[in-house]
Amino acid sequence: MTRAPQSASALSVPPAVAQQAVDWWLLLMGADASAAQRAACQAWCAADPLHAQAWERIQQVNEQLSGWVAPQQAGLARATLAPARRAARRRTVQALALLVFGGGAAWQLQQSAPWQRLRADARTPRGERRRMVLEDGTQLVLNGGSALNIDYSPQQRRLHLLEGEMLITTAADARAFVVETAAGQAQALGTRFVVRAGDDGSTRVSVFEGAVRLRPRQSPGDTQVLQAGQQAQFGARHISELAPVHEESTAWTDGILIARGMPLADMLQALQPYSAAALVCAPEVAGLRMSGSYPLDDMARVLATLDSLPELHVRRLTRWWGREEVVLEPAANTAR
């Protein structure tokens, strides 16, 4: 297949605008894209000629690809997901970045979070969990909204968690087993553990069997070994104090969130992988302690339960860019 020539207009799109266009494309290619989000994308295109130019370029390439693949695979996103092998998928995404924008814009897009997620070896959309068995027998459970790359070699087993959360049960193997995140490394010492990558760049590791050694990315000499029943959060430079962890915290693998005096802000963070809308709470109720069992696959029911509490009111908003937002605020602040 010969590479399609790039137009002058493709090369004149600034990287920042190209990034925004790809973000819109990824959002609208999702199965849960709403009419409000589509309308917001149209408004973004109309707001600036460069926006329209970038979006037009994406549509042009999408039409070209539709002629290269089978009808059931038409569409830029599906063409990207088509290769079965991990290396082939990554090469496809890289080629598409060059095809759409080329030059520095393509390089910057390939480093961006949306592209990293798109080319990930394994992904789960919001609201879904995925169970996997790796080639060595290691078992994974990915939480909703997770993405990771898998790098197995004769010398080591390495996973790169780009976002989200996963439960890992390692298989016996002479090779080292390491999980990388933006914060650093978590090396398994024969174990069963959970790794969660936070939106702020931090990582939380909870150990249920065996032990895990934490190594911050920018302070590799400052390590900490977590034993079974312990958890800790770490960033690129430091590791927090150890805290106890209980087996029930893995109930999300079976579609249940169990809260025992959990701060509301932490509860919303745990629920977020199952909500297309952003879940936020007012500072006045962020520390409100929550208890109970909540079905992760029925977010409407969970929000109705929270709205029925005398301390809380649930308010729904739609931002100008089309993202829906659910705000939990003190009931006293609003008229029921």
Protein backbone atom coordinates (compact mmCIF):
# COMPACT_ATOMS: atom_id res chain seq x y z
CA MET A 1 0.00 0.00 0.00
CA THR A 2 1.45 3.40 -0.97
CA ARG A 3 1.25 6.22 1.46
CA ALA A 4 -1.34 8.86 0.65
CA PRO A 5 0.18 12.27 -0.11
CA GLN A 6 -0.19 14.90 2.59
CA SER A 7 -1.86 18.15 1.72
CA ALA A 8 -0.41 21.53 2.55
CA SER A 9 -3.37 22.17 4.81
CA ALA A 10 -2.51 19.10 6.90
CA LEU A 11 0.97 20.45 7.58
CA SER A 12 -0.31 23.89 8.61
CA VAL A 13 -2.43 22.64 11.51
CA PRO A 14 -0.72 23.58 14.80
CA PRO A 15 0.03 20.62 17.11
CA ALA A 16 -2.23 22.00 19.85
CA VAL A 17 -5.21 22.17 17.46
CA ALA A 18 -4.39 18.74 16.04
CA GLN A 19 -4.41 17.39 19.60
CA GLN A 20 -7.85 18.90 20.26
CA ALA A 21 -9.22 17.49 17.00
CA VAL A 22 -8.00 13.99 17.87
CA ASP A 23 -9.48 14.31 21.37
CA TRP A 24 -12.86 15.13 19.81
CA TRP A 25 -12.52 12.25 17.36
CA LEU A 26 -11.73 9.76 20.13
CA LEU A 27 -14.66 11.03 22.18
CA LEU A 28 -17.17 10.77 19.32
CA MET A 29 -15.94 7.33 18.20
CA GLY A 30 -16.99 5.95 21.59
CA ALA A 31 -20.19 3.94 21.76
CA ASP A 32 -21.54 6.24 24.48
CA ALA A 33 -21.05 9.53 22.63
CA SER A 34 -24.08 11.73 23.27
CA ALA A 35 -25.95 14.16 21.03
CA ALA A 36 -24.76 17.01 23.27
CA GLN A 37 -21.14 15.99 22.71
CA ARG A 38 -21.64 15.86 18.95
CA ALA A 39 -23.19 19.32 19.02
CA ALA A 40 -20.29 20.61 21.13
CA CYS A 41 -17.82 19.22 18.57
CA GLN A 42 -19.66 21.06 15.80
CA ALA A 43 -19.44 24.26 17.84
CA TRP A 44 -15.70 23.71 18.32
CA CYS A 45 -15.22 23.27 14.55
CA ALA A 46 -17.18 26.47 13.85
CA ALA A 47 -15.24 28.51 16.41
CA ASP A 48 -12.01 28.73 14.40
CA PRO A 49 -11.01 27.99 10.77
CA LEU A 50 -8.04 25.97 12.06
CA HIS A 51 -10.43 23.78 14.03
CA ALA A 52 -12.48 23.11 10.90
CA GLN A 53 -9.29 22.45 8.94
CA ALA A 54 -8.04 19.87 11.44
CA TRP A 55 -11.40 18.12 11.59
CA GLU A 56 -11.67 18.06 7.81
CA ARG A 57 -8.27 16.37 7.62
CA ILE A 58 -9.40 13.64 10.02
CA GLN A 59 -12.52 13.05 7.94
CA GLN A 60 -10.47 12.88 4.72
CA VAL A 61 -8.18 10.21 6.13
CA ASN A 62 -11.14 8.32 7.55
CA GLU A 63 -12.70 8.20 4.08
CA GLN A 64 -9.42 7.01 2.57
CA LEU A 65 -9.14 4.22 5.10
CA SER A 66 -12.73 3.19 4.47
CA GLY A 67 -11.65 2.23 0.97
CA TRP A 68 -8.70 0.18 2.19
CA VAL A 69 -10.45 -2.06 4.72
CA ALA A 70 -13.50 -4.30 4.72
CA PRO A 71 -16.87 -2.53 5.16
CA GLN A 72 -17.31 -3.95 8.65
CA GLN A 73 -13.99 -2.34 9.62
CA ALA A 74 -14.64 1.07 8.05
CA GLY A 75 -13.75 4.01 10.23
CA LEU A 76 -10.40 5.26 11.47
CA ALA A 77 -10.81 3.87 14.98
CA ARG A 78 -11.80 0.38 13.85
CA ALA A 79 -8.94 0.30 11.37
CA THR A 80 -6.59 1.11 14.23
CA LEU A 81 -7.98 -1.68 16.38
CA ALA A 82 -7.95 -4.28 13.61
CA PRO A 83 -4.42 -5.77 13.94
CA ALA A 84 -4.41 -8.74 16.27
CA ARG A 85 -0.76 -8.49 17.35
CA ARG A 86 0.34 -5.82 19.80
CA ALA A 87 3.32 -4.67 17.72
CA ALA A 88 1.19 -4.45 14.58
CA ARG A 89 -1.41 -2.34 16.37
CA ARG A 90 1.22 0.10 17.62
CA ARG A 91 2.72 0.46 14.14
CA THR A 92 -0.72 1.11 12.70
CA VAL A 93 -1.42 3.93 15.15
CA GLN A 94 1.97 5.49 14.45
CA ALA A 95 1.32 5.37 10.70
CA LEU A 96 -2.11 6.93 11.15
CA ALA A 97 -0.67 9.82 13.14
CA LEU A 98 1.75 10.55 10.30
CA LEU A 99 -0.99 10.10 7.72
CA VAL A 100 -3.37 12.52 9.40
CA PHE A 101 -1.06 15.40 10.35
CA GLY A 102 2.60 14.53 9.77
CA GLY A 103 5.67 16.31 11.09
CA GLY A 104 5.87 17.71 14.61
CA ALA A 105 2.12 17.51 15.08
CA ALA A 106 2.21 13.74 14.56
CA TRP A 107 5.05 13.33 17.06
CA GLN A 108 3.25 15.36 19.71
CA LEU A 109 0.04 13.43 19.14
CA GLN A 110 1.84 10.13 19.60
CA GLN A 111 3.07 11.32 23.01
CA SER A 112 -0.38 12.44 24.14
CA ALA A 113 -2.56 10.47 26.53
CA PRO A 114 -5.37 9.76 24.00
CA TRP A 115 -2.95 8.25 21.49
CA GLN A 116 -1.17 6.27 24.19
CA ARG A 117 -4.52 4.81 25.24
CA LEU A 118 -5.52 4.11 21.65
CA ARG A 119 -2.37 2.13 20.91
CA ALA A 120 -2.41 0.25 24.24
CA ASP A 121 -2.17 -3.54 24.11
CA ALA A 122 -5.23 -3.96 26.34
CA ARG A 123 -8.03 -1.50 27.14
CA THR A 124 -11.41 -1.43 28.85
CA PRO A 125 -14.05 1.24 28.20
CA ARG A 126 -15.87 2.84 31.09
CA GLY A 127 -18.43 0.55 32.66
CA GLU A 128 -16.68 -2.70 31.70
CA ARG A 129 -14.23 -5.09 33.33
CA ARG A 130 -11.94 -7.50 31.55
CA ARG A 131 -10.25 -10.70 32.71
CA MET A 132 -7.04 -11.77 30.99
CA VAL A 133 -4.51 -14.59 31.27
CA LEU A 134 -1.05 -13.66 30.03
CA GLU A 135 1.31 -16.04 28.24
CA ASP A 136 3.04 -17.07 31.49
CA GLY A 137 -0.23 -17.79 33.29
CA THR A 138 -0.41 -14.48 35.16
CA GLN A 139 -4.04 -13.44 35.68
CA LEU A 140 -5.27 -9.85 35.30
CA VAL A 141 -8.59 -8.17 35.99
CA LEU A 142 -8.82 -4.69 34.44
CA ASN A 143 -11.21 -2.17 35.93
CA GLY A 144 -13.28 0.12 33.72
CA GLY A 145 -11.41 2.87 31.87
CA SER A 146 -8.04 1.10 32.07
CA ALA A 147 -5.25 0.75 29.53
CA LEU A 148 -1.90 -1.05 29.63
CA ASN A 149 0.96 -2.24 27.48
CA ILE A 150 2.48 -5.71 27.86
CA ASP A 151 6.21 -6.26 27.33
CA TYR A 152 7.41 -9.83 27.90
CA SER A 153 10.98 -10.75 27.01
CA PRO A 154 13.29 -13.68 27.86
CA GLN A 155 14.73 -11.54 30.67
CA GLN A 156 11.68 -10.01 32.34
CA ARG A 157 7.91 -9.53 32.44
CA ARG A 158 6.87 -5.88 32.35
CA LEU A 159 3.44 -4.22 32.32
CA HIS A 160 2.95 -0.48 31.78
CA LEU A 161 -0.31 0.73 33.31
CA LEU A 162 -1.23 3.87 31.37
CA GLU A 163 -4.44 4.57 33.31
CA GLY A 164 -6.99 2.85 35.47
CA GLU A 165 -6.67 -0.09 37.83
CA MET A 166 -5.88 -3.80 37.69
CA LEU A 167 -5.75 -6.80 39.99
CA ILE A 168 -2.72 -9.02 39.30
CA THR A 169 -2.12 -12.61 40.35
CA THR A 170 1.38 -13.45 39.20
CA ALA A 171 2.39 -16.88 37.91
CA ALA A 172 5.56 -18.61 39.08
CA ASP A 173 8.40 -17.67 36.72
CA ALA A 174 12.12 -17.05 37.08
CA ARG A 175 11.82 -13.70 35.30
CA ALA A 176 11.22 -10.50 37.27
CA PHE A 177 7.67 -9.12 37.15
CA VAL A 178 7.43 -5.31 37.11
CA VAL A 179 4.50 -2.91 36.75
CA GLU A 180 5.39 0.58 35.54
CA THR A 181 3.26 3.71 35.98
CA ALA A 182 3.91 7.43 35.72
CA ALA A 183 5.00 7.35 39.38
CA GLY A 184 7.59 4.58 39.07
CA GLN A 185 7.77 0.80 39.47
CA ALA A 186 6.09 -1.89 41.53
CA GLN A 187 8.02 -5.17 41.46
CA ALA A 188 6.11 -8.28 42.48
CA LEU A 189 7.83 -10.73 44.82
CA GLY A 190 5.43 -13.64 44.12
CA THR A 191 2.12 -12.04 44.88
CA ARG A 192 -1.47 -10.95 44.33
CA PHE A 193 -1.91 -7.18 44.31
CA VAL A 194 -3.82 -4.21 42.90
CA VAL A 195 -2.24 -1.24 41.10
CA ARG A 196 -4.25 1.94 40.51
CA ALA A 197 -2.89 4.82 38.44
CA GLY A 198 -4.30 8.14 39.68
CA ASP A 199 -5.21 11.06 37.45
CA ASP A 200 -2.68 13.18 39.36
CA GLY A 201 0.26 10.94 38.40
CA SER A 202 0.36 9.07 41.70
CA THR A 203 -0.05 5.31 42.06
CA ARG A 204 -1.69 3.24 44.80
CA VAL A 205 -0.57 -0.35 45.39
CA SER A 206 -2.49 -2.76 47.64
CA VAL A 207 -0.99 -6.18 48.45
CA PHE A 208 -3.09 -9.24 49.35
CA GLU A 209 -0.55 -12.06 49.01
CA GLY A 210 3.24 -12.06 48.95
CA ALA A 211 5.03 -8.71 48.74
CA VAL A 212 5.68 -5.82 46.33
CA ARG A 213 8.68 -3.47 46.19
CA LEU A 214 7.88 0.16 45.28
CA ARG A 215 10.48 2.32 43.55
CA PRO A 216 9.62 6.00 42.75
CA ARG A 217 10.72 7.05 39.27
CA GLN A 218 12.80 10.07 40.32
CA SER A 219 14.06 8.58 43.62
CA PRO A 220 14.93 4.98 42.68
CA GLY A 221 17.05 4.56 45.82
CA ASP A 222 14.06 5.17 48.11
CA THR A 223 12.32 1.81 47.97
CA GLN A 224 9.62 0.32 50.17
CA VAL A 225 8.49 -3.30 50.42
CA LEU A 226 4.76 -3.80 51.06
CA GLN A 227 3.69 -7.03 52.74
CA ALA A 228 0.31 -8.77 52.47
CA GLY A 229 -2.39 -6.62 54.08
CA GLN A 230 -0.58 -3.34 53.39
CA GLN A 231 -1.09 -0.55 50.87
CA ALA A 232 0.67 2.72 50.03
CA GLN A 233 0.45 5.56 47.56
CA PHE A 234 3.57 6.84 45.85
CA GLY A 235 4.56 9.57 43.45
CA ALA A 236 7.63 10.11 41.33
CA ARG A 237 9.65 11.29 44.36
CA HIS A 238 8.13 9.84 47.52
CA ILE A 239 6.16 6.99 49.11
CA SER A 240 3.35 7.63 51.58
CA GLU A 241 2.95 5.99 54.97
CA LEU A 242 1.79 2.36 54.91
CA ALA A 243 -1.87 1.69 55.61
CA PRO A 244 -3.91 -1.50 56.10
CA VAL A 245 -5.90 -2.95 53.21
CA HIS A 246 -8.76 -5.45 53.30
CA GLU A 247 -9.73 -8.17 50.83
CA GLU A 248 -13.16 -6.59 50.31
CA SER A 249 -11.48 -3.72 48.44
CA THR A 250 -11.20 -6.08 45.44
CA ALA A 251 -14.99 -6.54 45.29
CA TRP A 252 -14.99 -4.32 42.18
CA THR A 253 -13.75 -7.38 40.25
CA ASP A 254 -17.22 -8.85 40.86
CA GLY A 255 -19.06 -5.61 40.10
CA ILE A 256 -19.56 -4.39 43.67
CA LEU A 257 -18.14 -1.44 45.60
CA ILE A 258 -18.06 -2.06 49.35
CA ALA A 259 -17.67 1.11 51.41
CA ARG A 260 -17.00 1.09 55.13
CA GLY A 261 -16.65 4.66 56.31
CA MET A 262 -15.18 5.66 52.93
CA PRO A 263 -14.90 9.43 52.29
CA LEU A 264 -17.36 10.50 49.60
CA ALA A 265 -14.55 11.89 47.41
CA ASP A 266 -12.79 8.50 47.46
CA MET A 267 -16.05 6.72 46.74
CA LEU A 268 -16.68 8.86 43.66
CA GLN A 269 -13.17 8.11 42.44
CA ALA A 270 -13.91 4.39 42.75
CA LEU A 271 -17.23 4.82 40.91
CA GLN A 272 -15.79 6.96 38.09
CA PRO A 273 -14.69 4.02 35.87
CA TYR A 274 -18.38 3.09 35.57
CA SER A 275 -19.80 6.53 34.78
CA ALA A 276 -19.71 8.29 31.42
CA ALA A 277 -20.35 11.53 33.29
CA ALA A 278 -17.70 13.14 35.49
CA LEU A 279 -18.42 12.53 39.19
CA VAL A 280 -17.48 15.43 41.47
CA CYS A 281 -18.47 16.60 44.92
CA ALA A 282 -18.53 19.94 46.71
CA PRO A 283 -15.74 20.44 49.28
CA GLU A 284 -18.31 20.61 52.07
CA VAL A 285 -19.28 16.94 51.57
CA ALA A 286 -15.99 15.49 50.28
CA GLY A 287 -15.20 13.98 53.68
CA LEU A 288 -18.68 12.58 54.33
CA ARG A 289 -18.25 8.94 55.41
CA MET A 290 -20.12 6.43 53.28
CA SER A 291 -20.96 2.79 54.02
CA GLY A 292 -22.81 0.11 52.11
CA SER A 293 -22.62 -2.09 49.01
CA TYR A 294 -23.13 -0.46 45.63
CA PRO A 295 -23.65 -2.19 42.22
CA LEU A 296 -21.07 -0.83 39.82
CA ASP A 297 -23.06 -1.87 36.76
CA ASP A 298 -26.13 0.18 37.76
CA MET A 299 -24.87 3.74 38.16
CA ALA A 300 -28.39 5.20 37.98
CA ARG A 301 -29.33 3.18 41.03
CA VAL A 302 -26.19 4.25 42.90
CA LEU A 303 -26.82 7.94 42.20
CA ALA A 304 -30.47 7.59 43.21
CA THR A 305 -29.35 6.07 46.51
CA LEU A 306 -26.93 8.93 47.13
CA ASP A 307 -29.58 11.49 46.22
CA SER A 308 -31.95 9.97 48.76
CA LEU A 309 -29.55 10.64 51.65
CA PRO A 310 -30.62 13.63 53.77
CA GLU A 311 -27.14 15.15 53.59
CA LEU A 312 -26.78 15.07 49.81
CA HIS A 313 -28.29 16.43 46.63
CA VAL A 314 -27.32 15.18 43.16
CA ARG A 315 -27.24 17.80 40.41
CA ARG A 316 -26.58 17.05 36.72
CA LEU A 317 -24.87 19.51 34.39
CA THR A 318 -23.77 19.57 30.76
CA ARG A 319 -20.63 21.62 30.10
CA TRP A 320 -20.21 23.63 26.92
CA TRP A 321 -17.84 21.01 25.44
CA GLY A 322 -20.56 18.36 25.86
CA ARG A 323 -19.18 16.49 28.87
CA GLU A 324 -21.86 15.59 31.36
CA GLU A 325 -21.10 16.19 35.01
CA VAL A 326 -22.78 14.88 38.16
CA VAL A 327 -22.22 17.10 41.19
CA LEU A 328 -22.91 15.94 44.73
CA GLU A 329 -23.48 18.87 47.05
CA PRO A 330 -24.99 19.56 50.46
CA ALA A 331 -28.78 19.14 50.41
CA ALA A 332 -29.15 22.37 52.37
CA ASN A 333 -27.65 24.32 49.45
CA THR A 334 -30.49 23.49 47.05
CA ALA A 335 -34.24 23.36 47.07
CA ARG A 336 -35.32 19.76 46.70
